[in-house]
Amino acid sequence: MSTGMPREDAKIAFDRERRRRVLARLASRLRFEANDVSAMLPFDEVVAALGATSRVDLGEQVIPLDSIVGTVDRRRGEFDRDFRPSPGTRGRWERIAEARKRGEAMPPIDVFRIGDLHFVRDGHHRVSVARALKEKDINARVTEVRTKLGAGRELQMADLPLKRHERVFHERVPLPPEQRRRIELSDEWRYAQLATLVEGWGYRVSLERERVIPRQELAQLWFTEEYEPVVDALREAGLGGGGTETERYLRIAMLRFLLLQTHDWTQEIADRLAGEVASPSSASEADTMTHQIIKELRD
């Protein structure tokens, strides 16, 4: 509701947004969420995780306010992810809100775009005021930063280490887009372990074929000659435990090598692994990594 006095309305709006920020933080704690769930995403750290390839000036555009979730500078504490303000922003925030209440036009903000996300270079207070006024869009000068991995609006700080390892995996194992979308893991170390397994597999294939196989060709060979057949066999046999198909493949591939010292996949090997999962030997029980993999396979 408006009092008809722009200055008073600006003060009321600021106090309302401050209360909303405090209540949102309290609700997050009561849900036992991580501290960074409501924090702004830092541009530099997101770029480092996703891997920048180029920048393109897209000029002035209208962008959705709810796509702005990060900042280029280090003053993330001034606003939360929904751009609700902190106490120290009151003076400038209220001046901009008052000007908006008087009908004054605002210059476009400056943002970087990564995937579906936008990161503010200049205009944090204007974004905050616009969101407080329930606006949906804002004028912005947009620079698109193209990255090796994409970014959706659900991206959070806690996702960045996993994204970084995912990017490095695809640098080591450069699959085409339709195949790389099938590689899904939930832990950072698993991407590193999978890349090591693929490179080991590739080394043996290069020796067998008596030529050095380029990395991109090798990735394709691994996917079609090793990954897909094993994934299909695991699906038919009902082996591999829970999670994604990549997690099931990684468990069985690691267990196969740890127990049998082979990377081949035959019916005999499948039967031996299935028997080991059902009744682990004393040797596998003694090996911590083997025991953990078998436990995951049985859960």
C-alpha atoms as a PDB file:
ATOM      1  CA  MET A   1       0.000   0.000   0.000  1.00  0.00           C
ATOM      2  CA  SER A   2       1.167   3.524  -0.781  1.00  0.00           C
ATOM      3  CA  THR A   3       0.983   6.478   1.598  1.00  0.00           C
ATOM      4  CA  GLY A   4       1.206   8.918  -1.301  1.00  0.00           C
ATOM      5  CA  MET A   5       4.537  10.190   0.037  1.00  0.00           C
ATOM      6  CA  PRO A   6       7.470   8.700  -1.941  1.00  0.00           C
ATOM      7  CA  ARG A   7      10.017   9.179   0.830  1.00  0.00           C
ATOM      8  CA  GLU A   8       7.861   7.502   3.455  1.00  0.00           C
ATOM      9  CA  ASP A   9       6.947   4.708   1.032  1.00  0.00           C
ATOM     10  CA  ALA A  10      10.657   4.080   0.396  1.00  0.00           C
ATOM     11  CA  LYS A  11      11.351   3.733   4.123  1.00  0.00           C
ATOM     12  CA  ILE A  12       8.437   1.354   4.577  1.00  0.00           C
ATOM     13  CA  ALA A  13       9.552  -0.725   1.590  1.00  0.00           C
ATOM     14  CA  PHE A  14      13.110  -1.013   2.922  1.00  0.00           C
ATOM     15  CA  ASP A  15      11.940  -2.119   6.377  1.00  0.00           C
ATOM     16  CA  ARG A  16       9.637  -4.688   4.794  1.00  0.00           C
ATOM     17  CA  GLU A  17      12.457  -6.165   2.696  1.00  0.00           C
ATOM     18  CA  ARG A  18      14.765  -6.271   5.725  1.00  0.00           C
ATOM     19  CA  ARG A  19      12.158  -8.221   7.692  1.00  0.00           C
ATOM     20  CA  ARG A  20      11.734 -10.621   4.806  1.00  0.00           C
ATOM     21  CA  ARG A  21      15.485 -11.245   4.684  1.00  0.00           C
ATOM     22  CA  VAL A  22      15.635 -11.965   8.422  1.00  0.00           C
ATOM     23  CA  LEU A  23      12.608 -14.273   8.266  1.00  0.00           C
ATOM     24  CA  ALA A  24      14.023 -16.109   5.234  1.00  0.00           C
ATOM     25  CA  ARG A  25      17.311 -16.703   7.058  1.00  0.00           C
ATOM     26  CA  LEU A  26      15.449 -17.973  10.123  1.00  0.00           C
ATOM     27  CA  ALA A  27      13.310 -20.318   8.021  1.00  0.00           C
ATOM     28  CA  SER A  28      16.448 -21.647   6.326  1.00  0.00           C
ATOM     29  CA  ARG A  29      18.031 -22.452   9.685  1.00  0.00           C
ATOM     30  CA  LEU A  30      14.887 -24.187  10.900  1.00  0.00           C
ATOM     31  CA  ARG A  31      15.024 -26.360   7.758  1.00  0.00           C
ATOM     32  CA  PHE A  32      18.691 -27.126   8.530  1.00  0.00           C
ATOM     33  CA  GLU A  33      19.763 -25.812   5.132  1.00  0.00           C
ATOM     34  CA  ALA A  34      23.372 -24.947   4.364  1.00  0.00           C
ATOM     35  CA  ASN A  35      24.406 -21.374   5.112  1.00  0.00           C
ATOM     36  CA  ASP A  36      25.112 -20.619   1.451  1.00  0.00           C
ATOM     37  CA  VAL A  37      21.650 -21.575   0.136  1.00  0.00           C
ATOM     38  CA  SER A  38      20.459 -17.970   0.231  1.00  0.00           C
ATOM     39  CA  ALA A  39      23.857 -16.427  -0.561  1.00  0.00           C
ATOM     40  CA  MET A  40      24.629 -14.684  -3.831  1.00  0.00           C
ATOM     41  CA  LEU A  41      26.733 -16.651  -6.274  1.00  0.00           C
ATOM     42  CA  PRO A  42      30.217 -15.145  -6.796  1.00  0.00           C
ATOM     43  CA  PHE A  43      30.904 -14.644 -10.498  1.00  0.00           C
ATOM     44  CA  ASP A  44      34.621 -15.466 -10.414  1.00  0.00           C
ATOM     45  CA  GLU A  45      34.097 -18.758  -8.585  1.00  0.00           C
ATOM     46  CA  VAL A  46      31.293 -19.812 -10.932  1.00  0.00           C
ATOM     47  CA  VAL A  47      33.444 -19.042 -13.983  1.00  0.00           C
ATOM     48  CA  ALA A  48      36.367 -20.984 -12.480  1.00  0.00           C
ATOM     49  CA  ALA A  49      34.119 -24.007 -11.900  1.00  0.00           C
ATOM     50  CA  LEU A  50      32.384 -23.968 -15.278  1.00  0.00           C
ATOM     51  CA  GLY A  51      35.372 -22.939 -17.407  1.00  0.00           C
ATOM     52  CA  ALA A  52      35.042 -19.780 -19.521  1.00  0.00           C
ATOM     53  CA  THR A  53      35.630 -20.026 -23.278  1.00  0.00           C
ATOM     54  CA  SER A  54      34.635 -16.592 -24.638  1.00  0.00           C
ATOM     55  CA  ARG A  55      32.724 -13.360 -24.027  1.00  0.00           C
ATOM     56  CA  VAL A  56      30.189 -11.674 -26.302  1.00  0.00           C
ATOM     57  CA  ASP A  57      28.644  -8.202 -25.881  1.00  0.00           C
ATOM     58  CA  LEU A  58      24.887  -8.631 -26.430  1.00  0.00           C
ATOM     59  CA  GLY A  59      23.962  -4.990 -25.871  1.00  0.00           C
ATOM     60  CA  GLU A  60      20.900  -3.800 -23.982  1.00  0.00           C
ATOM     61  CA  GLN A  61      18.152  -6.317 -23.267  1.00  0.00           C
ATOM     62  CA  VAL A  62      15.202  -6.886 -20.946  1.00  0.00           C
ATOM     63  CA  ILE A  63      16.036  -9.743 -18.564  1.00  0.00           C
ATOM     64  CA  PRO A  64      13.985 -11.509 -15.852  1.00  0.00           C
ATOM     65  CA  LEU A  65      14.756 -10.239 -12.366  1.00  0.00           C
ATOM     66  CA  ASP A  66      14.630 -13.718 -10.877  1.00  0.00           C
ATOM     67  CA  SER A  67      17.470 -14.809 -13.172  1.00  0.00           C
ATOM     68  CA  ILE A  68      19.839 -12.416 -11.361  1.00  0.00           C
ATOM     69  CA  VAL A  69      21.406 -14.530  -8.606  1.00  0.00           C
ATOM     70  CA  GLY A  70      25.028 -13.409  -8.379  1.00  0.00           C
ATOM     71  CA  THR A  71      27.484 -10.566  -8.191  1.00  0.00           C
ATOM     72  CA  VAL A  72      30.825  -9.694  -9.758  1.00  0.00           C
ATOM     73  CA  ASP A  73      32.226  -7.871  -6.749  1.00  0.00           C
ATOM     74  CA  ARG A  74      32.949  -9.290  -3.285  1.00  0.00           C
ATOM     75  CA  ARG A  75      30.200  -7.443  -1.393  1.00  0.00           C
ATOM     76  CA  ARG A  76      27.873 -10.417  -1.337  1.00  0.00           C
ATOM     77  CA  GLY A  77      26.740  -9.677   2.214  1.00  0.00           C
ATOM     78  CA  GLU A  78      24.937  -6.490   1.200  1.00  0.00           C
ATOM     79  CA  PHE A  79      22.159  -8.487  -0.491  1.00  0.00           C
ATOM     80  CA  ASP A  80      21.024 -12.094  -0.354  1.00  0.00           C
ATOM     81  CA  ARG A  81      20.277 -14.267  -3.391  1.00  0.00           C
ATOM     82  CA  ASP A  82      16.806 -12.687  -3.684  1.00  0.00           C
ATOM     83  CA  PHE A  83      18.408  -9.221  -3.406  1.00  0.00           C
ATOM     84  CA  ARG A  84      16.843  -8.390  -0.067  1.00  0.00           C
ATOM     85  CA  PRO A  85      19.008  -5.662   1.513  1.00  0.00           C
ATOM     86  CA  SER A  86      21.220  -5.515   4.604  1.00  0.00           C
ATOM     87  CA  PRO A  87      21.060  -2.557   7.068  1.00  0.00           C
ATOM     88  CA  GLY A  88      24.122  -0.864   5.557  1.00  0.00           C
ATOM     89  CA  THR A  89      22.388  -0.310   2.220  1.00  0.00           C
ATOM     90  CA  ARG A  90      19.525   1.772   3.618  1.00  0.00           C
ATOM     91  CA  GLY A  91      20.553   5.275   2.467  1.00  0.00           C
ATOM     92  CA  ARG A  92      21.193   4.529  -1.199  1.00  0.00           C
ATOM     93  CA  TRP A  93      18.385   1.967  -1.352  1.00  0.00           C
ATOM     94  CA  GLU A  94      15.790   4.441  -0.092  1.00  0.00           C
ATOM     95  CA  ARG A  95      16.999   7.200  -2.461  1.00  0.00           C
ATOM     96  CA  ILE A  96      16.545   4.899  -5.445  1.00  0.00           C
ATOM     97  CA  ALA A  97      13.175   3.636  -4.182  1.00  0.00           C
ATOM     98  CA  GLU A  98      11.989   7.213  -3.653  1.00  0.00           C
ATOM     99  CA  ALA A  99      13.068   8.174  -7.171  1.00  0.00           C
ATOM    100  CA  ARG A 100      11.211   5.168  -8.571  1.00  0.00           C
ATOM    101  CA  LYS A 101       8.099   6.126  -6.577  1.00  0.00           C
ATOM    102  CA  ARG A 102       8.296   9.580  -8.173  1.00  0.00           C
ATOM    103  CA  GLY A 103       8.297   7.962 -11.587  1.00  0.00           C
ATOM    104  CA  GLU A 104      11.943   8.648 -12.462  1.00  0.00           C
ATOM    105  CA  ALA A 105      13.536   6.389 -15.078  1.00  0.00           C
ATOM    106  CA  MET A 106      16.562   4.305 -14.108  1.00  0.00           C
ATOM    107  CA  PRO A 107      19.578   3.592 -16.323  1.00  0.00           C
ATOM    108  CA  PRO A 108      20.095  -0.059 -17.341  1.00  0.00           C
ATOM    109  CA  ILE A 109      22.122  -2.247 -15.020  1.00  0.00           C
ATOM    110  CA  ASP A 110      25.265  -4.086 -16.195  1.00  0.00           C
ATOM    111  CA  VAL A 111      25.342  -7.887 -15.989  1.00  0.00           C
ATOM    112  CA  PHE A 112      27.282 -10.937 -17.081  1.00  0.00           C
ATOM    113  CA  ARG A 113      25.226 -13.857 -18.372  1.00  0.00           C
ATOM    114  CA  ILE A 114      26.231 -17.488 -17.825  1.00  0.00           C
ATOM    115  CA  GLY A 115      23.685 -19.973 -19.099  1.00  0.00           C
ATOM    116  CA  ASP A 116      20.357 -18.956 -17.568  1.00  0.00           C
ATOM    117  CA  LEU A 117      21.962 -16.881 -14.808  1.00  0.00           C
ATOM    118  CA  HIS A 118      22.918 -13.221 -14.528  1.00  0.00           C
ATOM    119  CA  PHE A 119      25.595 -11.642 -12.340  1.00  0.00           C
ATOM    120  CA  VAL A 120      25.455  -7.927 -11.492  1.00  0.00           C
ATOM    121  CA  ARG A 121      28.444  -5.747 -12.346  1.00  0.00           C
ATOM    122  CA  ASP A 122      26.659  -2.473 -11.617  1.00  0.00           C
ATOM    123  CA  GLY A 123      23.137  -1.902 -10.303  1.00  0.00           C
ATOM    124  CA  HIS A 124      22.699  -4.051  -7.177  1.00  0.00           C
ATOM    125  CA  HIS A 125      20.472  -1.475  -5.452  1.00  0.00           C
ATOM    126  CA  ARG A 126      18.340  -0.980  -8.582  1.00  0.00           C
ATOM    127  CA  VAL A 127      17.774  -4.738  -8.784  1.00  0.00           C
ATOM    128  CA  SER A 128      16.826  -4.895  -5.106  1.00  0.00           C
ATOM    129  CA  VAL A 129      14.366  -2.013  -5.383  1.00  0.00           C
ATOM    130  CA  ALA A 130      12.814  -3.421  -8.560  1.00  0.00           C
ATOM    131  CA  ARG A 131      12.250  -6.779  -6.867  1.00  0.00           C
ATOM    132  CA  ALA A 132      10.767  -5.058  -3.808  1.00  0.00           C
ATOM    133  CA  LEU A 133       8.340  -3.258  -6.129  1.00  0.00           C
ATOM    134  CA  LYS A 134       7.242  -6.671  -7.516  1.00  0.00           C
ATOM    135  CA  GLU A 135       8.565  -5.995 -10.993  1.00  0.00           C
ATOM    136  CA  LYS A 136       9.368  -8.984 -13.205  1.00  0.00           C
ATOM    137  CA  ASP A 137      11.945  -7.586 -15.647  1.00  0.00           C
ATOM    138  CA  ILE A 138      14.687  -4.989 -15.807  1.00  0.00           C
ATOM    139  CA  ASN A 139      16.724  -3.315 -18.563  1.00  0.00           C
ATOM    140  CA  ALA A 140      20.327  -4.496 -18.627  1.00  0.00           C
ATOM    141  CA  ARG A 141      23.496  -4.247 -20.677  1.00  0.00           C
ATOM    142  CA  VAL A 142      24.412  -7.899 -21.112  1.00  0.00           C
ATOM    143  CA  THR A 143      27.777  -9.538 -21.684  1.00  0.00           C
ATOM    144  CA  GLU A 144      27.450 -13.258 -22.277  1.00  0.00           C
ATOM    145  CA  VAL A 145      30.213 -15.438 -20.848  1.00  0.00           C
ATOM    146  CA  ARG A 146      30.259 -18.776 -22.624  1.00  0.00           C
ATOM    147  CA  THR A 147      31.444 -21.690 -20.518  1.00  0.00           C
ATOM    148  CA  LYS A 148      32.309 -25.359 -20.992  1.00  0.00           C
ATOM    149  CA  LEU A 149      29.493 -26.368 -18.651  1.00  0.00           C
ATOM    150  CA  GLY A 150      26.080 -24.749 -18.523  1.00  0.00           C
ATOM    151  CA  ALA A 151      24.382 -23.270 -15.468  1.00  0.00           C
ATOM    152  CA  GLY A 152      20.704 -23.499 -14.529  1.00  0.00           C
ATOM    153  CA  ARG A 153      18.848 -21.342 -12.022  1.00  0.00           C
ATOM    154  CA  GLU A 154      19.105 -24.063  -9.365  1.00  0.00           C
ATOM    155  CA  LEU A 155      22.908 -23.647  -9.159  1.00  0.00           C
ATOM    156  CA  GLN A 156      24.207 -23.014  -5.612  1.00  0.00           C
ATOM    157  CA  MET A 157      27.588 -22.495  -3.980  1.00  0.00           C
ATOM    158  CA  ALA A 158      27.634 -26.100  -2.782  1.00  0.00           C
ATOM    159  CA  ASP A 159      27.407 -27.275  -6.411  1.00  0.00           C
ATOM    160  CA  LEU A 160      30.604 -25.558  -7.570  1.00  0.00           C
ATOM    161  CA  PRO A 161      33.162 -28.205  -6.465  1.00  0.00           C
ATOM    162  CA  LEU A 162      31.157 -30.917  -8.259  1.00  0.00           C
ATOM    163  CA  LYS A 163      30.836 -28.721 -11.351  1.00  0.00           C
ATOM    164  CA  ARG A 164      34.586 -28.116 -11.349  1.00  0.00           C
ATOM    165  CA  HIS A 165      35.326 -31.856 -11.288  1.00  0.00           C
ATOM    166  CA  GLU A 166      32.673 -32.510 -13.937  1.00  0.00           C
ATOM    167  CA  ARG A 167      34.333 -29.936 -16.203  1.00  0.00           C
ATOM    168  CA  VAL A 168      37.777 -31.464 -15.693  1.00  0.00           C
ATOM    169  CA  PHE A 169      36.377 -34.933 -16.441  1.00  0.00           C
ATOM    170  CA  HIS A 170      34.988 -33.770 -19.780  1.00  0.00           C
ATOM    171  CA  GLU A 171      38.314 -32.140 -20.607  1.00  0.00           C
ATOM    172  CA  ARG A 172      40.009 -35.495 -19.996  1.00  0.00           C
ATOM    173  CA  VAL A 173      37.200 -37.503 -21.650  1.00  0.00           C
ATOM    174  CA  PRO A 174      35.768 -35.233 -24.405  1.00  0.00           C
ATOM    175  CA  LEU A 175      32.497 -36.923 -25.333  1.00  0.00           C
ATOM    176  CA  PRO A 176      29.990 -35.405 -27.784  1.00  0.00           C
ATOM    177  CA  PRO A 177      27.019 -33.584 -26.178  1.00  0.00           C
ATOM    178  CA  GLU A 178      24.440 -36.383 -26.486  1.00  0.00           C
ATOM    179  CA  GLN A 179      26.764 -38.827 -24.727  1.00  0.00           C
ATOM    180  CA  ARG A 180      28.194 -36.512 -22.103  1.00  0.00           C
ATOM    181  CA  ARG A 181      24.665 -35.810 -20.862  1.00  0.00           C
ATOM    182  CA  ARG A 182      24.482 -39.452 -19.741  1.00  0.00           C
ATOM    183  CA  ILE A 183      27.527 -39.130 -17.467  1.00  0.00           C
ATOM    184  CA  GLU A 184      26.091 -38.169 -14.067  1.00  0.00           C
ATOM    185  CA  LEU A 185      27.881 -38.508 -10.729  1.00  0.00           C
ATOM    186  CA  SER A 186      27.061 -37.058  -7.324  1.00  0.00           C
ATOM    187  CA  ASP A 187      30.548 -36.860  -5.743  1.00  0.00           C
ATOM    188  CA  GLU A 188      33.593 -34.917  -6.900  1.00  0.00           C
ATOM    189  CA  TRP A 189      36.076 -37.768  -6.371  1.00  0.00           C
ATOM    190  CA  ARG A 190      34.022 -40.107  -8.532  1.00  0.00           C
ATOM    191  CA  TYR A 191      34.595 -37.908 -11.592  1.00  0.00           C
ATOM    192  CA  ALA A 192      38.355 -38.082 -11.009  1.00  0.00           C
ATOM    193  CA  GLN A 193      38.181 -41.863 -10.474  1.00  0.00           C
ATOM    194  CA  LEU A 194      36.112 -42.363 -13.613  1.00  0.00           C
ATOM    195  CA  ALA A 195      38.509 -40.277 -15.716  1.00  0.00           C
ATOM    196  CA  THR A 196      41.431 -42.363 -14.442  1.00  0.00           C
ATOM    197  CA  LEU A 197      39.602 -45.590 -15.344  1.00  0.00           C
ATOM    198  CA  VAL A 198      38.808 -44.305 -18.828  1.00  0.00           C
ATOM    199  CA  GLU A 199      42.412 -43.243 -19.444  1.00  0.00           C
ATOM    200  CA  GLY A 200      43.665 -46.627 -18.208  1.00  0.00           C
ATOM    201  CA  TRP A 201      41.217 -48.382 -20.521  1.00  0.00           C
ATOM    202  CA  GLY A 202      42.402 -46.184 -23.373  1.00  0.00           C
ATOM    203  CA  TYR A 203      46.056 -46.974 -22.737  1.00  0.00           C
ATOM    204  CA  ARG A 204      45.388 -50.678 -23.070  1.00  0.00           C
ATOM    205  CA  VAL A 205      43.352 -50.175 -26.244  1.00  0.00           C
ATOM    206  CA  SER A 206      46.174 -48.100 -27.754  1.00  0.00           C
ATOM    207  CA  LEU A 207      48.632 -50.914 -27.012  1.00  0.00           C
ATOM    208  CA  GLU A 208      46.326 -53.535 -28.509  1.00  0.00           C
ATOM    209  CA  ARG A 209      45.798 -51.514 -31.693  1.00  0.00           C
ATOM    210  CA  GLU A 210      49.455 -50.454 -31.847  1.00  0.00           C
ATOM    211  CA  ARG A 211      48.779 -46.760 -32.337  1.00  0.00           C
ATOM    212  CA  VAL A 212      48.290 -43.667 -30.241  1.00  0.00           C
ATOM    213  CA  ILE A 213      44.561 -42.946 -30.231  1.00  0.00           C
ATOM    214  CA  PRO A 214      43.594 -39.239 -29.995  1.00  0.00           C
ATOM    215  CA  ARG A 215      41.726 -38.292 -26.825  1.00  0.00           C
ATOM    216  CA  GLN A 216      38.436 -37.490 -28.563  1.00  0.00           C
ATOM    217  CA  GLU A 217      38.394 -40.766 -30.511  1.00  0.00           C
ATOM    218  CA  LEU A 218      39.343 -42.637 -27.363  1.00  0.00           C
ATOM    219  CA  ALA A 219      36.444 -41.135 -25.429  1.00  0.00           C
ATOM    220  CA  GLN A 220      34.045 -42.249 -28.161  1.00  0.00           C
ATOM    221  CA  LEU A 221      35.504 -45.770 -28.214  1.00  0.00           C
ATOM    222  CA  TRP A 222      35.230 -46.075 -24.432  1.00  0.00           C
ATOM    223  CA  PHE A 223      31.599 -44.978 -24.460  1.00  0.00           C
ATOM    224  CA  THR A 224      30.478 -47.338 -27.247  1.00  0.00           C
ATOM    225  CA  GLU A 225      32.720 -50.357 -26.566  1.00  0.00           C
ATOM    226  CA  GLU A 226      32.931 -50.294 -22.760  1.00  0.00           C
ATOM    227  CA  TYR A 227      30.444 -47.980 -21.062  1.00  0.00           C
ATOM    228  CA  GLU A 228      27.233 -48.744 -22.982  1.00  0.00           C
ATOM    229  CA  PRO A 229      27.662 -52.554 -23.043  1.00  0.00           C
ATOM    230  CA  VAL A 230      28.424 -52.675 -19.308  1.00  0.00           C
ATOM    231  CA  VAL A 231      25.530 -50.347 -18.448  1.00  0.00           C
ATOM    232  CA  ASP A 232      23.154 -52.471 -20.549  1.00  0.00           C
ATOM    233  CA  ALA A 233      24.408 -55.683 -18.908  1.00  0.00           C
ATOM    234  CA  LEU A 234      24.004 -54.220 -15.423  1.00  0.00           C
ATOM    235  CA  ARG A 235      20.469 -53.143 -16.240  1.00  0.00           C
ATOM    236  CA  GLU A 236      19.546 -56.620 -17.493  1.00  0.00           C
ATOM    237  CA  ALA A 237      21.207 -58.346 -14.519  1.00  0.00           C
ATOM    238  CA  GLY A 238      19.800 -55.937 -11.946  1.00  0.00           C
ATOM    239  CA  LEU A 239      23.291 -55.199 -10.604  1.00  0.00           C
ATOM    240  CA  GLY A 240      25.066 -52.020  -9.672  1.00  0.00           C
ATOM    241  CA  GLY A 241      23.112 -50.653  -6.725  1.00  0.00           C
ATOM    242  CA  GLY A 242      21.273 -47.345  -6.674  1.00  0.00           C
ATOM    243  CA  GLY A 243      21.954 -43.969  -8.243  1.00  0.00           C
ATOM    244  CA  THR A 244      22.585 -43.057 -11.860  1.00  0.00           C
ATOM    245  CA  GLU A 245      23.738 -45.457 -14.559  1.00  0.00           C
ATOM    246  CA  THR A 246      27.193 -43.862 -14.333  1.00  0.00           C
ATOM    247  CA  GLU A 247      27.392 -44.543 -10.612  1.00  0.00           C
ATOM    248  CA  ARG A 248      26.391 -48.162 -11.206  1.00  0.00           C
ATOM    249  CA  TYR A 249      29.011 -48.486 -13.943  1.00  0.00           C
ATOM    250  CA  LEU A 250      31.749 -46.944 -11.806  1.00  0.00           C
ATOM    251  CA  ARG A 251      31.068 -49.264  -8.865  1.00  0.00           C
ATOM    252  CA  ILE A 252      31.206 -52.411 -10.958  1.00  0.00           C
ATOM    253  CA  ALA A 253      34.217 -51.226 -12.996  1.00  0.00           C
ATOM    254  CA  MET A 254      36.199 -50.475  -9.838  1.00  0.00           C
ATOM    255  CA  LEU A 255      35.143 -53.730  -8.183  1.00  0.00           C
ATOM    256  CA  ARG A 256      36.012 -55.695 -11.331  1.00  0.00           C
ATOM    257  CA  PHE A 257      39.558 -54.338 -11.307  1.00  0.00           C
ATOM    258  CA  LEU A 258      40.106 -54.516  -7.545  1.00  0.00           C
ATOM    259  CA  LEU A 259      38.993 -58.154  -7.292  1.00  0.00           C
ATOM    260  CA  LEU A 260      39.910 -59.623 -10.662  1.00  0.00           C
ATOM    261  CA  GLN A 261      42.595 -57.273 -11.992  1.00  0.00           C
ATOM    262  CA  THR A 262      40.854 -57.131 -15.360  1.00  0.00           C
ATOM    263  CA  HIS A 263      38.939 -54.636 -17.441  1.00  0.00           C
ATOM    264  CA  ASP A 264      37.269 -57.252 -19.618  1.00  0.00           C
ATOM    265  CA  TRP A 265      33.539 -57.900 -19.434  1.00  0.00           C
ATOM    266  CA  THR A 266      32.366 -61.472 -20.021  1.00  0.00           C
ATOM    267  CA  GLN A 267      29.560 -63.593 -18.633  1.00  0.00           C
ATOM    268  CA  GLU A 268      32.062 -65.414 -16.403  1.00  0.00           C
ATOM    269  CA  ILE A 269      33.289 -62.143 -14.927  1.00  0.00           C
ATOM    270  CA  ALA A 270      29.721 -60.930 -14.427  1.00  0.00           C
ATOM    271  CA  ASP A 271      28.846 -64.154 -12.591  1.00  0.00           C
ATOM    272  CA  ARG A 272      31.923 -63.890 -10.345  1.00  0.00           C
ATOM    273  CA  LEU A 273      31.114 -60.283  -9.439  1.00  0.00           C
ATOM    274  CA  ALA A 274      27.480 -61.137  -8.757  1.00  0.00           C
ATOM    275  CA  GLY A 275      28.639 -63.925  -6.440  1.00  0.00           C
ATOM    276  CA  GLU A 276      31.012 -61.567  -4.657  1.00  0.00           C
ATOM    277  CA  VAL A 277      28.219 -59.072  -4.039  1.00  0.00           C
ATOM    278  CA  ALA A 278      25.993 -61.837  -2.641  1.00  0.00           C
ATOM    279  CA  SER A 279      28.705 -63.427  -0.465  1.00  0.00           C
ATOM    280  CA  PRO A 280      31.868 -61.322  -0.115  1.00  0.00           C
ATOM    281  CA  SER A 281      35.099 -63.225   0.416  1.00  0.00           C
ATOM    282  CA  SER A 282      37.299 -62.585   3.443  1.00  0.00           C
ATOM    283  CA  ALA A 283      39.811 -60.865   1.154  1.00  0.00           C
ATOM    284  CA  SER A 284      37.251 -58.360  -0.124  1.00  0.00           C
ATOM    285  CA  GLU A 285      35.954 -57.752   3.398  1.00  0.00           C
ATOM    286  CA  ALA A 286      39.505 -56.884   4.465  1.00  0.00           C
ATOM    287  CA  ASP A 287      39.904 -54.284   1.704  1.00  0.00           C
ATOM    288  CA  THR A 288      38.164 -51.103   2.857  1.00  0.00           C
ATOM    289  CA  MET A 289      37.486 -49.751  -0.636  1.00  0.00           C
ATOM    290  CA  THR A 290      36.227 -53.103  -1.936  1.00  0.00           C
ATOM    291  CA  HIS A 291      34.018 -53.513   1.141  1.00  0.00           C
ATOM    292  CA  GLN A 292      32.514 -50.043   0.633  1.00  0.00           C
ATOM    293  CA  ILE A 293      31.775 -50.692  -3.041  1.00  0.00           C
ATOM    294  CA  ILE A 294      30.097 -54.020  -2.231  1.00  0.00           C
ATOM    295  CA  LYS A 295      28.059 -52.298   0.477  1.00  0.00           C
ATOM    296  CA  GLU A 296      26.858 -49.688  -2.079  1.00  0.00           C
ATOM    297  CA  LEU A 297      26.018 -52.431  -4.550  1.00  0.00           C
ATOM    298  CA  ARG A 298      23.876 -54.206  -1.962  1.00  0.00           C
ATOM    299  CA  ASP A 299      22.082 -51.123  -0.589  1.00  0.00           C
END
